Each structure stands twice: as C-alpha cells, then as structure tokens.
Amino acid sequence: VIKLGKDDILESLGIPISPARTKCAFLSLRVLHRGLAMAGLERP
C-alpha cells in the first residue's frame, strides 16, 4: 500500500486526466499516505 503512487491511480481511472483535475484524482492517495505517516507506518 505504501508503494502505491500517482501512476497507479491514473491507471485505475483508465482515461487521461487534465492537469486541472489531477488534484481531484490524487486526493484519496494523499489522504491515504498522510494517514499512514501519522500512524507511524510510512515516512511523512
């Protein structure tokens, strides 16, 4: 789970995402990584 990155999100969406929408697409990934970091499971 820690290794998941932006390319994994884009691949799962399967369509090109405009630069204006990338923050929307990556919000869940950012929330996941911050949560893991706050729990001490991942480097911040």
ModelCIF file with pLDDT and N, C-alpha, C, O atoms, coordinates in Angstrom:
data_MODEL
#
_entry.id   MODEL 
#
_entity.id                         1 
_entity.type                       polymer 
_entity.pdbx_number_of_molecules   1 
#
_entity_poly.entity_id                      1 
_entity_poly.type                           'polypeptide(L)' 
_entity_poly.nstd_linkage                   no 
_entity_poly.nstd_monomer                   no 
_entity_poly.pdbx_seq_one_letter_code       VIKLGKDDILESLGIPISPARTKCAFLSLRVLHRGLAMAGLERP 
_entity_poly.pdbx_seq_one_letter_code_can   VIKLGKDDILESLGIPISPARTKCAFLSLRVLHRGLAMAGLERP 
_entity_poly.pdbx_strand_id                 A 
#
loop_
_entity_poly_seq.entity_id 
_entity_poly_seq.num 
_entity_poly_seq.mon_id 
_entity_poly_seq.hetero 
1 1  VAL n 
1 2  ILE n 
1 3  LYS n 
1 4  LEU n 
1 5  GLY n 
1 6  LYS n 
1 7  ASP n 
1 8  ASP n 
1 9  ILE n 
1 10 LEU n 
1 11 GLU n 
1 12 SER n 
1 13 LEU n 
1 14 GLY n 
1 15 ILE n 
1 16 PRO n 
1 17 ILE n 
1 18 SER n 
1 19 PRO n 
1 20 ALA n 
1 21 ARG n 
1 22 THR n 
1 23 LYS n 
1 24 CYS n 
1 25 ALA n 
1 26 PHE n 
1 27 LEU n 
1 28 SER n 
1 29 LEU n 
1 30 ARG n 
1 31 VAL n 
1 32 LEU n 
1 33 HIS n 
1 34 ARG n 
1 35 GLY n 
1 36 LEU n 
1 37 ALA n 
1 38 MET n 
1 39 ALA n 
1 40 GLY n 
1 41 LEU n 
1 42 GLU n 
1 43 ARG n 
1 44 PRO n 
#
_struct_asym.id          A 
_struct_asym.entity_id   1 
#
loop_
_ma_qa_metric.id 
_ma_qa_metric.mode 
_ma_qa_metric.name 
_ma_qa_metric.software_group_id 
_ma_qa_metric.type 
1 global pLDDT . pLDDT 
2 local  pLDDT . pLDDT 
#
_ma_qa_metric_global.metric_id      1 
_ma_qa_metric_global.metric_value   94.14 
_ma_qa_metric_global.model_id       1 
_ma_qa_metric_global.ordinal_id     1 
#
loop_
_ma_qa_metric_local.label_asym_id 
_ma_qa_metric_local.label_comp_id 
_ma_qa_metric_local.label_seq_id 
_ma_qa_metric_local.metric_id 
_ma_qa_metric_local.metric_value 
_ma_qa_metric_local.model_id 
_ma_qa_metric_local.ordinal_id 
A VAL 1  2 98.00 1 1  
A ILE 2  2 97.00 1 2  
A LYS 3  2 97.00 1 3  
A LEU 4  2 97.00 1 4  
A GLY 5  2 97.00 1 5  
A LYS 6  2 97.00 1 6  
A ASP 7  2 97.00 1 7  
A ASP 8  2 97.00 1 8  
A ILE 9  2 97.00 1 9  
A LEU 10 2 96.00 1 10 
A GLU 11 2 95.00 1 11 
A SER 12 2 95.00 1 12 
A LEU 13 2 95.00 1 13 
A GLY 14 2 93.00 1 14 
A ILE 15 2 92.00 1 15 
A PRO 16 2 91.00 1 16 
A ILE 17 2 92.00 1 17 
A SER 18 2 92.00 1 18 
A PRO 19 2 91.00 1 19 
A ALA 20 2 87.00 1 20 
A ARG 21 2 92.00 1 21 
A THR 22 2 95.00 1 22 
A LYS 23 2 94.00 1 23 
A CYS 24 2 95.00 1 24 
A ALA 25 2 97.00 1 25 
A PHE 26 2 97.00 1 26 
A LEU 27 2 98.00 1 27 
A SER 28 2 98.00 1 28 
A LEU 29 2 98.00 1 29 
A ARG 30 2 97.00 1 30 
A VAL 31 2 98.00 1 31 
A LEU 32 2 98.00 1 32 
A HIS 33 2 97.00 1 33 
A ARG 34 2 97.00 1 34 
A GLY 35 2 97.00 1 35 
A LEU 36 2 97.00 1 36 
A ALA 37 2 96.00 1 37 
A MET 38 2 95.00 1 38 
A ALA 39 2 95.00 1 39 
A GLY 40 2 94.00 1 40 
A LEU 41 2 92.00 1 41 
A GLU 42 2 86.00 1 42 
A ARG 43 2 76.00 1 43 
A PRO 44 2 70.00 1 44 
#
loop_
_atom_site.group_PDB 
_atom_site.id 
_atom_site.type_symbol 
_atom_site.label_atom_id 
_atom_site.label_alt_id 
_atom_site.label_comp_id 
_atom_site.label_asym_id 
_atom_site.label_entity_id 
_atom_site.label_seq_id 
_atom_site.pdbx_PDB_ins_code 
_atom_site.Cartn_x 
_atom_site.Cartn_y 
_atom_site.Cartn_z 
_atom_site.occupancy 
_atom_site.B_iso_or_equiv 
_atom_site.pdbx_formal_charge 
_atom_site.auth_seq_id 
_atom_site.auth_comp_id 
_atom_site.auth_asym_id 
_atom_site.auth_atom_id 
_atom_site.pdbx_PDB_model_num 
ATOM 1   N N  . VAL A 1 1  ? 0.844   -1.202 0.000   1.00 98.00 ? 1  VAL A N  1 
ATOM 2   C CA . VAL A 1 1  ? 0.000   0.000  0.000   1.00 98.00 ? 1  VAL A CA 1 
ATOM 3   C C  . VAL A 1 1  ? 0.876   1.247  0.000   1.00 98.00 ? 1  VAL A C  1 
ATOM 4   O O  . VAL A 1 1  ? 0.568   2.221  -0.688  1.00 98.00 ? 1  VAL A O  1 
ATOM 5   N N  . ILE A 1 2  ? 1.951   1.226  0.757   1.00 97.00 ? 2  ILE A N  1 
ATOM 6   C CA . ILE A 1 2  ? 2.872   2.359  0.827   1.00 97.00 ? 2  ILE A CA 1 
ATOM 7   C C  . ILE A 1 2  ? 3.454   2.671  -0.545  1.00 97.00 ? 2  ILE A C  1 
ATOM 8   O O  . ILE A 1 2  ? 3.708   3.833  -0.862  1.00 97.00 ? 2  ILE A O  1 
ATOM 9   N N  . LYS A 1 3  ? 3.665   1.652  -1.352  1.00 97.00 ? 3  LYS A N  1 
ATOM 10  C CA . LYS A 1 3  ? 4.291   1.835  -2.668  1.00 97.00 ? 3  LYS A CA 1 
ATOM 11  C C  . LYS A 1 3  ? 3.346   2.405  -3.716  1.00 97.00 ? 3  LYS A C  1 
ATOM 12  O O  . LYS A 1 3  ? 3.796   2.820  -4.784  1.00 97.00 ? 3  LYS A O  1 
ATOM 13  N N  . LEU A 1 4  ? 2.046   2.436  -3.435  1.00 97.00 ? 4  LEU A N  1 
ATOM 14  C CA . LEU A 1 4  ? 1.098   2.961  -4.420  1.00 97.00 ? 4  LEU A CA 1 
ATOM 15  C C  . LEU A 1 4  ? 1.374   4.436  -4.698  1.00 97.00 ? 4  LEU A C  1 
ATOM 16  O O  . LEU A 1 4  ? 1.624   5.222  -3.784  1.00 97.00 ? 4  LEU A O  1 
ATOM 17  N N  . GLY A 1 5  ? 1.324   4.785  -5.959  1.00 97.00 ? 5  GLY A N  1 
ATOM 18  C CA . GLY A 1 5  ? 1.612   6.156  -6.347  1.00 97.00 ? 5  GLY A CA 1 
ATOM 19  C C  . GLY A 1 5  ? 0.608   6.692  -7.350  1.00 97.00 ? 5  GLY A C  1 
ATOM 20  O O  . GLY A 1 5  ? -0.413  6.070  -7.645  1.00 97.00 ? 5  GLY A O  1 
ATOM 21  N N  . LYS A 1 6  ? 0.928   7.844  -7.852  1.00 97.00 ? 6  LYS A N  1 
ATOM 22  C CA . LYS A 1 6  ? 0.029   8.549  -8.767  1.00 97.00 ? 6  LYS A CA 1 
ATOM 23  C C  . LYS A 1 6  ? -0.232  7.756  -10.049 1.00 97.00 ? 6  LYS A C  1 
ATOM 24  O O  . LYS A 1 6  ? -1.341  7.782  -10.582 1.00 97.00 ? 6  LYS A O  1 
ATOM 25  N N  . ASP A 1 7  ? 0.782   7.058  -10.538 1.00 97.00 ? 7  ASP A N  1 
ATOM 26  C CA . ASP A 1 7  ? 0.586   6.255  -11.749 1.00 97.00 ? 7  ASP A CA 1 
ATOM 27  C C  . ASP A 1 7  ? -0.450  5.156  -11.524 1.00 97.00 ? 7  ASP A C  1 
ATOM 28  O O  . ASP A 1 7  ? -1.200  4.818  -12.439 1.00 97.00 ? 7  ASP A O  1 
ATOM 29  N N  . ASP A 1 8  ? -0.496  4.597  -10.313 1.00 97.00 ? 8  ASP A N  1 
ATOM 30  C CA . ASP A 1 8  ? -1.488  3.559  -10.006 1.00 97.00 ? 8  ASP A CA 1 
ATOM 31  C C  . ASP A 1 8  ? -2.903  4.130  -10.057 1.00 97.00 ? 8  ASP A C  1 
ATOM 32  O O  . ASP A 1 8  ? -3.824  3.469  -10.538 1.00 97.00 ? 8  ASP A O  1 
ATOM 33  N N  . ILE A 1 9  ? -3.077  5.348  -9.566  1.00 97.00 ? 9  ILE A N  1 
ATOM 34  C CA . ILE A 1 9  ? -4.388  5.998  -9.605  1.00 97.00 ? 9  ILE A CA 1 
ATOM 35  C C  . ILE A 1 9  ? -4.786  6.282  -11.051 1.00 97.00 ? 9  ILE A C  1 
ATOM 36  O O  . ILE A 1 9  ? -5.912  5.995  -11.459 1.00 97.00 ? 9  ILE A O  1 
ATOM 37  N N  . LEU A 1 10 ? -3.864  6.843  -11.818 1.00 96.00 ? 10 LEU A N  1 
ATOM 38  C CA . LEU A 1 10 ? -4.164  7.151  -13.219 1.00 96.00 ? 10 LEU A CA 1 
ATOM 39  C C  . LEU A 1 10 ? -4.494  5.885  -13.998 1.00 96.00 ? 10 LEU A C  1 
ATOM 40  O O  . LEU A 1 10 ? -5.396  5.884  -14.834 1.00 96.00 ? 10 LEU A O  1 
ATOM 41  N N  . GLU A 1 11 ? -3.766  4.810  -13.724 1.00 95.00 ? 11 GLU A N  1 
ATOM 42  C CA . GLU A 1 11 ? -4.033  3.540  -14.402 1.00 95.00 ? 11 GLU A CA 1 
ATOM 43  C C  . GLU A 1 11 ? -5.423  3.015  -14.050 1.00 95.00 ? 11 GLU A C  1 
ATOM 44  O O  . GLU A 1 11 ? -6.137  2.511  -14.917 1.00 95.00 ? 11 GLU A O  1 
ATOM 45  N N  . SER A 1 12 ? -5.805  3.131  -12.783 1.00 95.00 ? 12 SER A N  1 
ATOM 46  C CA . SER A 1 12 ? -7.124  2.630  -12.386 1.00 95.00 ? 12 SER A CA 1 
ATOM 47  C C  . SER A 1 12 ? -8.244  3.457  -13.000 1.00 95.00 ? 12 SER A C  1 
ATOM 48  O O  . SER A 1 12 ? -9.302  2.918  -13.324 1.00 95.00 ? 12 SER A O  1 
ATOM 49  N N  . LEU A 1 13 ? -8.026  4.765  -13.166 1.00 95.00 ? 13 LEU A N  1 
ATOM 50  C CA . LEU A 1 13 ? -9.038  5.612  -13.802 1.00 95.00 ? 13 LEU A CA 1 
ATOM 51  C C  . LEU A 1 13 ? -9.173  5.289  -15.284 1.00 95.00 ? 13 LEU A C  1 
ATOM 52  O O  . LEU A 1 13 ? -10.274 5.316  -15.834 1.00 95.00 ? 13 LEU A O  1 
ATOM 53  N N  . GLY A 1 14 ? -8.058  4.987  -15.923 1.00 93.00 ? 14 GLY A N  1 
ATOM 54  C CA . GLY A 1 14 ? -8.081  4.499  -17.292 1.00 93.00 ? 14 GLY A CA 1 
ATOM 55  C C  . GLY A 1 14 ? -8.318  5.516  -18.387 1.00 93.00 ? 14 GLY A C  1 
ATOM 56  O O  . GLY A 1 14 ? -8.361  5.152  -19.562 1.00 93.00 ? 14 GLY A O  1 
ATOM 57  N N  . ILE A 1 15 ? -8.473  6.775  -18.036 1.00 92.00 ? 15 ILE A N  1 
ATOM 58  C CA . ILE A 1 15 ? -8.650  7.814  -19.050 1.00 92.00 ? 15 ILE A CA 1 
ATOM 59  C C  . ILE A 1 15 ? -7.688  8.955  -18.737 1.00 92.00 ? 15 ILE A C  1 
ATOM 60  O O  . ILE A 1 15 ? -7.271  9.120  -17.590 1.00 92.00 ? 15 ILE A O  1 
ATOM 61  N N  . PRO A 1 16 ? -7.340  9.735  -19.741 1.00 91.00 ? 16 PRO A N  1 
ATOM 62  C CA . PRO A 1 16 ? -6.473  10.887 -19.474 1.00 91.00 ? 16 PRO A CA 1 
ATOM 63  C C  . PRO A 1 16 ? -7.177  11.880 -18.534 1.00 91.00 ? 16 PRO A C  1 
ATOM 64  O O  . PRO A 1 16 ? -8.368  12.156 -18.674 1.00 91.00 ? 16 PRO A O  1 
ATOM 65  N N  . ILE A 1 17 ? -6.418  12.397 -17.592 1.00 92.00 ? 17 ILE A N  1 
ATOM 66  C CA . ILE A 1 17 ? -6.933  13.379 -16.635 1.00 92.00 ? 17 ILE A CA 1 
ATOM 67  C C  . ILE A 1 17 ? -6.241  14.707 -16.915 1.00 92.00 ? 17 ILE A C  1 
ATOM 68  O O  . ILE A 1 17 ? -5.014  14.772 -16.986 1.00 92.00 ? 17 ILE A O  1 
ATOM 69  N N  . SER A 1 18 ? -7.019  15.750 -17.070 1.00 92.00 ? 18 SER A N  1 
ATOM 70  C CA . SER A 1 18 ? -6.435  17.068 -17.349 1.00 92.00 ? 18 SER A CA 1 
ATOM 71  C C  . SER A 1 18 ? -5.650  17.547 -16.131 1.00 92.00 ? 18 SER A C  1 
ATOM 72  O O  . SER A 1 18 ? -5.932  17.140 -15.004 1.00 92.00 ? 18 SER A O  1 
ATOM 73  N N  . PRO A 1 19 ? -4.662  18.415 -16.361 1.00 91.00 ? 19 PRO A N  1 
ATOM 74  C CA . PRO A 1 19 ? -3.889  18.942 -15.236 1.00 91.00 ? 19 PRO A CA 1 
ATOM 75  C C  . PRO A 1 19 ? -4.770  19.573 -14.153 1.00 91.00 ? 19 PRO A C  1 
ATOM 76  O O  . PRO A 1 19 ? -4.449  19.486 -12.968 1.00 91.00 ? 19 PRO A O  1 
ATOM 77  N N  . ALA A 1 20 ? -5.857  20.196 -14.545 1.00 87.00 ? 20 ALA A N  1 
ATOM 78  C CA . ALA A 1 20 ? -6.756  20.832 -13.570 1.00 87.00 ? 20 ALA A CA 1 
ATOM 79  C C  . ALA A 1 20 ? -7.453  19.799 -12.685 1.00 87.00 ? 20 ALA A C  1 
ATOM 80  O O  . ALA A 1 20 ? -7.865  20.126 -11.572 1.00 87.00 ? 20 ALA A O  1 
ATOM 81  N N  . ARG A 1 21 ? -7.592  18.563 -13.154 1.00 92.00 ? 21 ARG A N  1 
ATOM 82  C CA . ARG A 1 21 ? -8.306  17.524 -12.397 1.00 92.00 ? 21 ARG A CA 1 
ATOM 83  C C  . ARG A 1 21 ? -7.387  16.579 -11.633 1.00 92.00 ? 21 ARG A C  1 
ATOM 84  O O  . ARG A 1 21 ? -7.873  15.708 -10.912 1.00 92.00 ? 21 ARG A O  1 
ATOM 85  N N  . THR A 1 22 ? -6.057  16.730 -11.773 1.00 95.00 ? 22 THR A N  1 
ATOM 86  C CA . THR A 1 22 ? -5.167  15.789 -11.088 1.00 95.00 ? 22 THR A CA 1 
ATOM 87  C C  . THR A 1 22 ? -5.282  15.898 -9.568  1.00 95.00 ? 22 THR A C  1 
ATOM 88  O O  . THR A 1 22 ? -5.180  14.888 -8.872  1.00 95.00 ? 22 THR A O  1 
ATOM 89  N N  . LYS A 1 23 ? -5.492  17.104 -9.041  1.00 94.00 ? 23 LYS A N  1 
ATOM 90  C CA . LYS A 1 23 ? -5.668  17.225 -7.587  1.00 94.00 ? 23 LYS A CA 1 
ATOM 91  C C  . LYS A 1 23 ? -6.888  16.440 -7.123  1.00 94.00 ? 23 LYS A C  1 
ATOM 92  O O  . LYS A 1 23 ? -6.881  15.857 -6.039  1.00 94.00 ? 23 LYS A O  1 
ATOM 93  N N  . CYS A 1 24 ? -7.928  16.424 -7.939  1.00 95.00 ? 24 CYS A N  1 
ATOM 94  C CA . CYS A 1 24 ? -9.129  15.648 -7.629  1.00 95.00 ? 24 CYS A CA 1 
ATOM 95  C C  . CYS A 1 24 ? -8.794  14.152 -7.622  1.00 95.00 ? 24 CYS A C  1 
ATOM 96  O O  . CYS A 1 24 ? -9.178  13.424 -6.707  1.00 95.00 ? 24 CYS A O  1 
ATOM 97  N N  . ALA A 1 25 ? -8.083  13.713 -8.643  1.00 97.00 ? 25 ALA A N  1 
ATOM 98  C CA . ALA A 1 25 ? -7.756  12.295 -8.786  1.00 97.00 ? 25 ALA A CA 1 
ATOM 99  C C  . ALA A 1 25 ? -6.835  11.806 -7.676  1.00 97.00 ? 25 ALA A C  1 
ATOM 100 O O  . ALA A 1 25 ? -6.951  10.662 -7.235  1.00 97.00 ? 25 ALA A O  1 
ATOM 101 N N  . PHE A 1 26 ? -5.919  12.663 -7.217  1.00 97.00 ? 26 PHE A N  1 
ATOM 102 C CA . PHE A 1 26 ? -4.913  12.232 -6.246  1.00 97.00 ? 26 PHE A CA 1 
ATOM 103 C C  . PHE A 1 26 ? -5.266  12.536 -4.800  1.00 97.00 ? 26 PHE A C  1 
ATOM 104 O O  . PHE A 1 26 ? -4.477  12.221 -3.909  1.00 97.00 ? 26 PHE A O  1 
ATOM 105 N N  . LEU A 1 27 ? -6.424  13.136 -4.532  1.00 98.00 ? 27 LEU A N  1 
ATOM 106 C CA . LEU A 1 27 ? -6.804  13.480 -3.163  1.00 98.00 ? 27 LEU A CA 1 
ATOM 107 C C  . LEU A 1 27 ? -6.832  12.243 -2.271  1.00 98.00 ? 27 LEU A C  1 
ATOM 108 O O  . LEU A 1 27 ? -6.300  12.285 -1.161  1.00 98.00 ? 27 LEU A O  1 
ATOM 109 N N  . SER A 1 28 ? -7.429  11.153 -2.717  1.00 98.00 ? 28 SER A N  1 
ATOM 110 C CA . SER A 1 28 ? -7.514  9.951  -1.874  1.00 98.00 ? 28 SER A CA 1 
ATOM 111 C C  . SER A 1 28 ? -6.137  9.368  -1.596  1.00 98.00 ? 28 SER A C  1 
ATOM 112 O O  . SER A 1 28 ? -5.890  8.873  -0.496  1.00 98.00 ? 28 SER A O  1 
ATOM 113 N N  . LEU A 1 29 ? -5.243  9.416  -2.568  1.00 98.00 ? 29 LEU A N  1 
ATOM 114 C CA . LEU A 1 29 ? -3.884  8.910  -2.371  1.00 98.00 ? 29 LEU A CA 1 
ATOM 115 C C  . LEU A 1 29 ? -3.148  9.758  -1.335  1.00 98.00 ? 29 LEU A C  1 
ATOM 116 O O  . LEU A 1 29 ? -2.436  9.230  -0.482  1.00 98.00 ? 29 LEU A O  1 
ATOM 117 N N  . ARG A 1 30 ? -3.326  11.073 -1.417  1.00 97.00 ? 30 ARG A N  1 
ATOM 118 C CA . ARG A 1 30 ? -2.702  11.968 -0.443  1.00 97.00 ? 30 ARG A CA 1 
ATOM 119 C C  . ARG A 1 30 ? -3.239  11.699 0.958   1.00 97.00 ? 30 ARG A C  1 
ATOM 120 O O  . ARG A 1 30 ? -2.471  11.653 1.919   1.00 97.00 ? 30 ARG A O  1 
ATOM 121 N N  . VAL A 1 31 ? -4.551  11.520 1.078   1.00 98.00 ? 31 VAL A N  1 
ATOM 122 C CA . VAL A 1 31 ? -5.152  11.229 2.378   1.00 98.00 ? 31 VAL A CA 1 
ATOM 123 C C  . VAL A 1 31 ? -4.624  9.899  2.918   1.00 98.00 ? 31 VAL A C  1 
ATOM 124 O O  . VAL A 1 31 ? -4.305  9.794  4.102   1.00 98.00 ? 31 VAL A O  1 
ATOM 125 N N  . LEU A 1 32 ? -4.533  8.898  2.067   1.00 98.00 ? 32 LEU A N  1 
ATOM 126 C CA . LEU A 1 32 ? -4.014  7.586  2.485   1.00 98.00 ? 32 LEU A CA 1 
ATOM 127 C C  . LEU A 1 32 ? -2.588  7.701  3.003   1.00 98.00 ? 32 LEU A C  1 
ATOM 128 O O  . LEU A 1 32 ? -2.292  7.234  4.103   1.00 98.00 ? 32 LEU A O  1 
ATOM 129 N N  . HIS A 1 33 ? -1.701  8.317  2.224   1.00 97.00 ? 33 HIS A N  1 
ATOM 130 C CA . HIS A 1 33 ? -0.294  8.407  2.632   1.00 97.00 ? 33 HIS A CA 1 
ATOM 131 C C  . HIS A 1 33 ? -0.119  9.246  3.898   1.00 97.00 ? 33 HIS A C  1 
ATOM 132 O O  . HIS A 1 33 ? 0.699   8.906  4.753   1.00 97.00 ? 33 HIS A O  1 
ATOM 133 N N  . ARG A 1 34 ? -0.861  10.314 4.027   1.00 97.00 ? 34 ARG A N  1 
ATOM 134 C CA . ARG A 1 34 ? -0.764  11.126 5.260   1.00 97.00 ? 34 ARG A CA 1 
ATOM 135 C C  . ARG A 1 34 ? -1.242  10.335 6.466   1.00 97.00 ? 34 ARG A C  1 
ATOM 136 O O  . ARG A 1 34 ? -0.641  10.409 7.538   1.00 97.00 ? 34 ARG A O  1 
ATOM 137 N N  . GLY A 1 35 ? -2.322  9.578  6.299   1.00 97.00 ? 35 GLY A N  1 
ATOM 138 C CA . GLY A 1 35 ? -2.818  8.758  7.403   1.00 97.00 ? 35 GLY A CA 1 
ATOM 139 C C  . GLY A 1 35 ? -1.811  7.709  7.826   1.00 97.00 ? 35 GLY A C  1 
ATOM 140 O O  . GLY A 1 35 ? -1.591  7.502  9.019   1.00 97.00 ? 35 GLY A O  1 
ATOM 141 N N  . LEU A 1 36 ? -1.194  7.044  6.856   1.00 97.00 ? 36 LEU A N  1 
ATOM 142 C CA . LEU A 1 36 ? -0.172  6.043  7.174   1.00 97.00 ? 36 LEU A CA 1 
ATOM 143 C C  . LEU A 1 36 ? 1.017   6.685  7.876   1.00 97.00 ? 36 LEU A C  1 
ATOM 144 O O  . LEU A 1 36 ? 1.582   6.111  8.807   1.00 97.00 ? 36 LEU A O  1 
ATOM 145 N N  . ALA A 1 37 ? 1.396   7.879  7.426   1.00 96.00 ? 37 ALA A N  1 
ATOM 146 C CA . ALA A 1 37 ? 2.509   8.591  8.060   1.00 96.00 ? 37 ALA A CA 1 
ATOM 147 C C  . ALA A 1 37 ? 2.163   8.989  9.493   1.00 96.00 ? 37 ALA A C  1 
ATOM 148 O O  . ALA A 1 37 ? 2.981   8.828  10.398  1.00 96.00 ? 37 ALA A O  1 
ATOM 149 N N  . MET A 1 38 ? 0.951   9.510  9.698   1.00 95.00 ? 38 MET A N  1 
ATOM 150 C CA . MET A 1 38 ? 0.539   9.919  11.053  1.00 95.00 ? 38 MET A CA 1 
ATOM 151 C C  . MET A 1 38 ? 0.463   8.713  11.992  1.00 95.00 ? 38 MET A C  1 
ATOM 152 O O  . MET A 1 38 ? 0.678   8.854  13.195  1.00 95.00 ? 38 MET A O  1 
ATOM 153 N N  . ALA A 1 39 ? 0.162   7.543  11.459  1.00 95.00 ? 39 ALA A N  1 
ATOM 154 C CA . ALA A 1 39 ? 0.090   6.326  12.269  1.00 95.00 ? 39 ALA A CA 1 
ATOM 155 C C  . ALA A 1 39 ? 1.463   5.689  12.460  1.00 95.00 ? 39 ALA A C  1 
ATOM 156 O O  . ALA A 1 39 ? 1.585   4.665  13.132  1.00 95.00 ? 39 ALA A O  1 
ATOM 157 N N  . GLY A 1 40 ? 2.498   6.290  11.871  1.00 94.00 ? 40 GLY A N  1 
ATOM 158 C CA . GLY A 1 40 ? 3.853   5.768  12.017  1.00 94.00 ? 40 GLY A CA 1 
ATOM 159 C C  . GLY A 1 40 ? 4.159   4.579  11.114  1.00 94.00 ? 40 GLY A C  1 
ATOM 160 O O  . GLY A 1 40 ? 5.125   3.853  11.350  1.00 94.00 ? 40 GLY A O  1 
ATOM 161 N N  . LEU A 1 41 ? 3.347   4.377  10.089  1.00 92.00 ? 41 LEU A N  1 
ATOM 162 C CA . LEU A 1 41 ? 3.549   3.238  9.196   1.00 92.00 ? 41 LEU A CA 1 
ATOM 163 C C  . LEU A 1 41 ? 4.298   3.612  7.927   1.00 92.00 ? 41 LEU A C  1 
ATOM 164 O O  . LEU A 1 41 ? 4.683   2.733  7.156   1.00 92.00 ? 41 LEU A O  1 
ATOM 165 N N  . GLU A 1 42 ? 4.509   4.902  7.700   1.00 86.00 ? 42 GLU A N  1 
ATOM 166 C CA . GLU A 1 42 ? 5.156   5.384  6.478   1.00 86.00 ? 42 GLU A CA 1 
ATOM 167 C C  . GLU A 1 42 ? 5.897   6.667  6.795   1.00 86.00 ? 42 GLU A C  1 
ATOM 168 O O  . GLU A 1 42 ? 5.476   7.437  7.658   1.00 86.00 ? 42 GLU A O  1 
ATOM 169 N N  . ARG A 1 43 ? 7.002   6.898  6.097   1.00 76.00 ? 43 ARG A N  1 
ATOM 170 C CA . ARG A 1 43 ? 7.714   8.171  6.241   1.00 76.00 ? 43 ARG A CA 1 
ATOM 171 C C  . ARG A 1 43 ? 6.801   9.303  5.769   1.00 76.00 ? 43 ARG A C  1 
ATOM 172 O O  . ARG A 1 43 ? 6.129   9.153  4.748   1.00 76.00 ? 43 ARG A O  1 
ATOM 173 N N  . PRO A 1 44 ? 6.758   10.414 6.473   1.00 70.00 ? 44 PRO A N  1 
ATOM 174 C CA . PRO A 1 44 ? 5.866   11.508 6.092   1.00 70.00 ? 44 PRO A CA 1 
ATOM 175 C C  . PRO A 1 44 ? 6.113   12.047 4.683   1.00 70.00 ? 44 PRO A C  1 
ATOM 176 O O  . PRO A 1 44 ? 5.426   12.970 4.246   1.00 70.00 ? 44 PRO A O  1 
#
